[in-house]
């Protein structure tokens, strides 16, 4: 008799505790709906597929009413969540947002919400307030469910995120203010970048290895391109004497460019202005454009000169870098019969009797980036001293931007998310995180019209080796 009383007492206590917990969690209505669902014929039962469809509609109808972009399902995110959900602790959504950004580094912003209910219909209602929360920057969503309490409860994990587009010059031209996703050519680190269209030329630098992996510039129509794509194969119609040597042809073309391209300063370049104060208003010109206008700055005339020489079979690279203490500059290097010539398109008229061998005149020229018609060349090491070699594979890493900037990213460490916010009791819970600046690609302004005022007076004229870093000091 006593044992029966004890059993009934324990059972009553458990039911009472469960009732109190259900009342506290707001599950009484859910249990009523769950019972109704169980009594419904199998063909009319509310299932997971219906729940997922209705949840998507709930969010998108709200967003359409607010004239915001509708959300798209991300199958890749859902696949990742389905695999990771058994290991995720939804009691700590701060940790969950961190894990989502680690596993899906393409997402710039992530907002996570979790809710539980005995009924799928009631579970849908629990996301109603969250669906009406303004989050216009979000582009994609994913939701996964798992059973709890031996299948008597449903738990849903919903992730909204701002999924970044892959960076390309064309994407930047179309939408210059949004962040983009990229992956470093050198160390494969995935990261994001926020670029301003006011910077008309820039080098992209990995936030992890600090090496440059792309250089882009805007043409006169405002379209961004990789700098090597400004070399299009243009050559003016010209004839040369049959008995001219290759060096004589070099000087003939060089003299023609010099005589028919008047040097002009870039817009926004003001004498005495600092690096940060200079406006990046310069647009790069194609060779035929420079010939037609008969004017341009140092990179315009260098592109004109290089394009013409390459078309005539010369081995040429355009250099973007620094000239002495005057700062940013552009010039060409040409290899002819195993000799390197450093040719300027903006200085005095070329003198064939005084050929500008790079080993003799190049002591004050420090390149940071090279490019030809197909490749961009960047230093192999950010701290390597410049020793005057424009062609060595030990000094330069070649990058084909169109082919090398693709590929699957590796996982990256994401920042710690913001604190979780509780709404409506213990359920649902939500947390939001934005990618940290440690994952932001650095950009270096490479326009020769806006030089940093560097001091290289200690480099002796005619020196063959210089102990200057190839990468300039970074701004604080």
Foldseek 3Di string as FASTA:
>chain_A
DVVVVVVVVVVVVVVVVVVVVCVQQVQPVLVVVLVVLVPDPPVPHDDPVNLVVVLLVLLQVLCVVVVAARAAADVVLQVVCVVCVVVDDLVAVLVVVQVSCLVQVQFQKKKKKKFKYLHSVVRSVLCNVVSNDDDRQWHYKYKDWDAPPVNSMIMMMIMTTRGFAADDLQVCLVPVADKHWFAALPPLAIFIAGGHLQQQKWFWAFLPQRWTRFIWGAAPVSGIHTVLQLLPLDAPDDDDDPPDDPLRVLLVLLLVLLVQEAEDFAPQQDPPDALVRGTNPGHEYRLVRRNVVSYYHFVNSQSVSQSNVVNVPWDKKKFWWQFAQPFTGIWMWTADPNFIFTGGSHDDRDDSVDTRTCLFAVLRTQGQWIHHNFWIWGFPHQQAFDQRDPDDPNGIDIHRVVPSTDDDGRGDRFDRFDGKDDDDRVPIIMTMGGGDCSRYIDMDRRPSSRGHRDHDPVRDRSDRGDNDGSHDDDDD
